[in-house]
Amino acid sequence: MKSVLDDGKKRMAGAIAALSKEFEKLRTGRATTALVDNIIVDYYGTPTPISQLASVSVPDPKTLTIQPWDKGAFGAVEKAIQASDLGLTPNNDGSVIRITIPALTEERRKELVKVARKYTEDCKIAIRNVRRDLNDSFKTMEKDKEISEDERKKGEADVQKLTDDHVKESDSVLAGKEKEILEI
């Protein structure tokens, strides 16, 4: 039973980690290297992530700098950024590509909060799916006479507590992200 609970704990923590990763990609009014992580550049006919052909840094909270290692990649990196759905405009000075992160409009902030809530709901669904799997495991163990009915009920209670804790944690991650998005 302990191994089933440990497995569930790991999987639920994984759902929270995935939620945090999704939140990194959401554009707030602050620059972060995660903004360009998913941008793929057509580098000499090969789709390549920006992080594999340039160094990306954040010199200040409103600016992102991208310095391709190959001078020939500047144009391709610029095109990929402009074609992305981030709505950012790169400025190329010949040695570095600078992206200034504009302040978000009130309407865009509200859209981002909705997206963040959807990500959180997806995370909660994943957590509940893990709960269902664990409870099914306990029922199978009881059916196979590995554990008693009382042990199954105790296991299900432990799983419910684990689920509640992780759902609460996902809500607190969401609250932090909402605060960050709505911060002016």
Protein backbone atom coordinates (compact mmCIF):
# COMPACT_ATOMS: atom_id res chain seq x y z
CA MET A 1 0.00 0.00 0.00
CA LYS A 2 2.85 2.36 0.82
CA SER A 3 4.37 1.92 -2.64
CA VAL A 4 0.99 2.73 -4.26
CA LEU A 5 0.74 5.91 -2.15
CA ASP A 6 4.35 6.90 -2.93
CA ASP A 7 3.69 6.41 -6.64
CA GLY A 8 0.58 8.58 -6.38
CA LYS A 9 2.47 11.27 -4.49
CA LYS A 10 5.12 11.36 -7.24
CA ARG A 11 2.54 11.54 -10.02
CA MET A 12 0.56 14.32 -8.30
CA ALA A 13 3.76 16.28 -7.69
CA GLY A 14 4.53 15.82 -11.38
CA ALA A 15 1.18 17.42 -12.27
CA ILE A 16 2.05 20.43 -10.09
CA ALA A 17 5.50 20.66 -11.72
CA ALA A 18 3.91 20.56 -15.18
CA LEU A 19 1.55 23.37 -14.11
CA SER A 20 4.48 25.49 -12.97
CA LYS A 21 6.23 24.84 -16.30
CA GLU A 22 3.12 25.96 -18.21
CA PHE A 23 2.94 29.11 -16.08
CA GLU A 24 6.55 29.99 -16.98
CA LYS A 25 5.49 30.24 -20.62
CA LEU A 26 2.66 32.66 -19.86
CA ARG A 27 3.73 36.19 -20.66
CA THR A 28 3.38 38.54 -17.76
CA GLY A 29 4.77 42.06 -17.82
CA ARG A 30 8.17 40.64 -16.88
CA ALA A 31 10.92 39.23 -19.10
CA THR A 32 11.91 35.61 -18.63
CA THR A 33 13.97 33.22 -20.75
CA ALA A 34 11.07 30.74 -20.69
CA LEU A 35 9.18 33.05 -23.07
CA VAL A 36 11.34 31.96 -26.01
CA ASP A 37 11.89 28.31 -24.96
CA ASN A 38 9.24 26.99 -27.34
CA ILE A 39 10.22 29.10 -30.35
CA ILE A 40 11.66 26.93 -33.11
CA VAL A 41 14.04 28.51 -35.64
CA ASP A 42 14.51 27.18 -39.18
CA TYR A 43 18.31 26.96 -38.95
CA TYR A 44 19.70 25.91 -42.33
CA GLY A 45 16.63 23.75 -42.96
CA THR A 46 16.66 22.15 -39.50
CA PRO A 47 14.00 23.11 -36.90
CA THR A 48 16.06 24.13 -33.86
CA PRO A 49 14.98 25.65 -30.50
CA ILE A 50 16.43 29.13 -29.86
CA SER A 51 18.17 27.89 -26.70
CA GLN A 52 20.30 25.51 -28.82
CA LEU A 53 21.69 28.17 -31.16
CA ALA A 54 21.91 31.27 -28.99
CA SER A 55 22.44 32.46 -25.45
CA VAL A 56 19.29 33.98 -23.96
CA SER A 57 19.52 36.35 -21.00
CA VAL A 58 17.44 38.84 -19.03
CA PRO A 59 19.51 41.99 -18.38
CA ASP A 60 16.56 43.80 -16.76
CA PRO A 61 12.89 42.97 -15.97
CA LYS A 62 11.60 44.46 -19.25
CA THR A 63 14.29 43.27 -21.69
CA LEU A 64 15.30 39.92 -23.13
CA THR A 65 18.55 39.56 -25.10
CA ILE A 66 19.33 36.79 -27.55
CA GLN A 67 22.87 36.39 -28.85
CA PRO A 68 23.15 33.75 -31.60
CA TRP A 69 26.52 32.01 -31.74
CA ASP A 70 26.39 31.99 -35.55
CA LYS A 71 26.07 35.44 -37.18
CA GLY A 72 24.13 33.80 -40.04
CA ALA A 73 21.34 32.84 -37.66
CA PHE A 74 20.29 36.42 -36.78
CA GLY A 75 17.70 36.69 -39.56
CA ALA A 76 16.21 33.26 -38.88
CA VAL A 77 15.93 33.96 -35.13
CA GLU A 78 14.25 37.33 -35.80
CA LYS A 79 11.76 35.75 -38.22
CA ALA A 80 10.92 32.98 -35.75
CA ILE A 81 10.26 35.49 -32.95
CA GLN A 82 8.06 37.64 -35.18
CA ALA A 83 6.14 34.56 -36.41
CA SER A 84 5.53 33.33 -32.84
CA ASP A 85 2.26 34.06 -31.03
CA LEU A 86 4.01 36.14 -28.36
CA GLY A 87 3.38 39.45 -30.12
CA LEU A 88 6.95 40.65 -29.51
CA THR A 89 9.12 42.71 -31.85
CA PRO A 90 12.86 41.93 -31.89
CA ASN A 91 15.45 44.70 -32.44
CA ASN A 92 18.70 43.57 -34.05
CA ASP A 93 21.81 45.73 -33.55
CA GLY A 94 24.15 43.33 -35.37
CA SER A 95 25.59 41.63 -32.30
CA VAL A 96 22.54 41.09 -30.07
CA ILE A 97 18.79 40.76 -30.60
CA ARG A 98 16.89 42.73 -27.96
CA ILE A 99 13.24 42.18 -27.16
CA THR A 100 11.50 44.78 -25.03
CA ILE A 101 8.54 43.34 -23.16
CA PRO A 102 5.68 45.85 -23.40
CA ALA A 103 3.30 46.44 -20.52
CA LEU A 104 0.17 44.30 -20.74
CA THR A 105 -3.23 45.86 -21.40
CA GLU A 106 -6.02 45.23 -18.90
CA GLU A 107 -7.85 43.09 -21.48
CA ARG A 108 -4.76 40.96 -22.13
CA ARG A 109 -4.22 40.49 -18.38
CA LYS A 110 -7.76 39.13 -18.01
CA GLU A 111 -7.20 36.75 -20.95
CA LEU A 112 -3.97 35.50 -19.34
CA VAL A 113 -5.76 34.89 -16.03
CA LYS A 114 -8.35 32.79 -17.90
CA VAL A 115 -5.57 30.78 -19.56
CA ALA A 116 -3.87 30.28 -16.18
CA ARG A 117 -7.15 29.03 -14.67
CA LYS A 118 -7.57 26.58 -17.56
CA TYR A 119 -4.04 25.23 -16.97
CA THR A 120 -4.87 24.85 -13.28
CA GLU A 121 -8.10 23.00 -14.05
CA ASP A 122 -6.15 20.63 -16.33
CA CYS A 123 -3.72 20.03 -13.45
CA LYS A 124 -6.59 19.25 -11.07
CA ILE A 125 -8.05 16.80 -13.59
CA ALA A 126 -4.67 15.05 -13.77
CA ILE A 127 -4.54 14.88 -9.95
CA ARG A 128 -8.05 13.40 -9.81
CA ASN A 129 -7.11 10.84 -12.46
CA VAL A 130 -4.20 9.75 -10.26
CA ARG A 131 -6.62 9.48 -7.32
CA ARG A 132 -8.92 7.25 -9.38
CA ASP A 133 -5.98 5.03 -10.42
CA LEU A 134 -4.82 4.65 -6.82
CA ASN A 135 -8.31 3.81 -5.56
CA ASP A 136 -8.65 1.23 -8.35
CA SER A 137 -5.32 -0.28 -7.24
CA PHE A 138 -6.60 -0.58 -3.67
CA LYS A 139 -9.84 -2.23 -4.85
CA THR A 140 -7.84 -4.71 -6.94
CA MET A 141 -5.57 -5.44 -3.96
CA GLU A 142 -8.64 -6.08 -1.78
CA LYS A 143 -10.20 -8.31 -4.43
CA ASP A 144 -6.94 -10.30 -4.66
CA LYS A 145 -7.01 -10.67 -0.85
CA GLU A 146 -3.73 -8.71 -0.45
CA ILE A 147 -5.38 -6.21 1.91
CA SER A 148 -8.53 -6.12 4.03
CA GLU A 149 -11.58 -3.90 3.51
CA ASP A 150 -10.50 -1.69 6.43
CA GLU A 151 -7.02 -1.26 4.93
CA ARG A 152 -8.59 -0.34 1.57
CA LYS A 153 -10.80 2.27 3.24
CA LYS A 154 -7.83 3.70 5.12
CA GLY A 155 -5.83 3.77 1.88
CA GLU A 156 -8.65 5.57 0.07
CA ALA A 157 -8.83 8.11 2.91
CA ASP A 158 -5.07 8.68 2.62
CA VAL A 159 -5.41 9.11 -1.16
CA GLN A 160 -8.21 11.65 -0.65
CA LYS A 161 -6.05 13.64 1.78
CA LEU A 162 -3.17 13.52 -0.73
CA THR A 163 -5.51 14.70 -3.48
CA ASP A 164 -6.88 17.55 -1.36
CA ASP A 165 -3.35 18.70 -0.49
CA HIS A 166 -2.25 18.74 -4.14
CA VAL A 167 -5.42 20.50 -5.33
CA LYS A 168 -4.82 23.13 -2.63
CA GLU A 169 -1.21 23.46 -3.79
CA SER A 170 -2.32 23.95 -7.42
CA ASP A 171 -4.72 26.68 -6.25
CA SER A 172 -1.92 28.46 -4.39
CA VAL A 173 0.34 28.26 -7.48
CA LEU A 174 -2.53 29.78 -9.49
CA ALA A 175 -3.04 32.54 -6.92
CA GLY A 176 0.64 33.48 -7.17
CA LYS A 177 0.51 33.55 -10.97
CA GLU A 178 -2.70 35.61 -10.99
CA LYS A 179 -1.08 38.13 -8.65
CA GLU A 180 1.95 38.30 -10.96
CA ILE A 181 -0.23 38.76 -14.07
CA LEU A 182 -2.44 41.44 -12.55
CA GLU A 183 0.54 43.32 -11.05
CA ILE A 184 1.09 46.61 -12.85
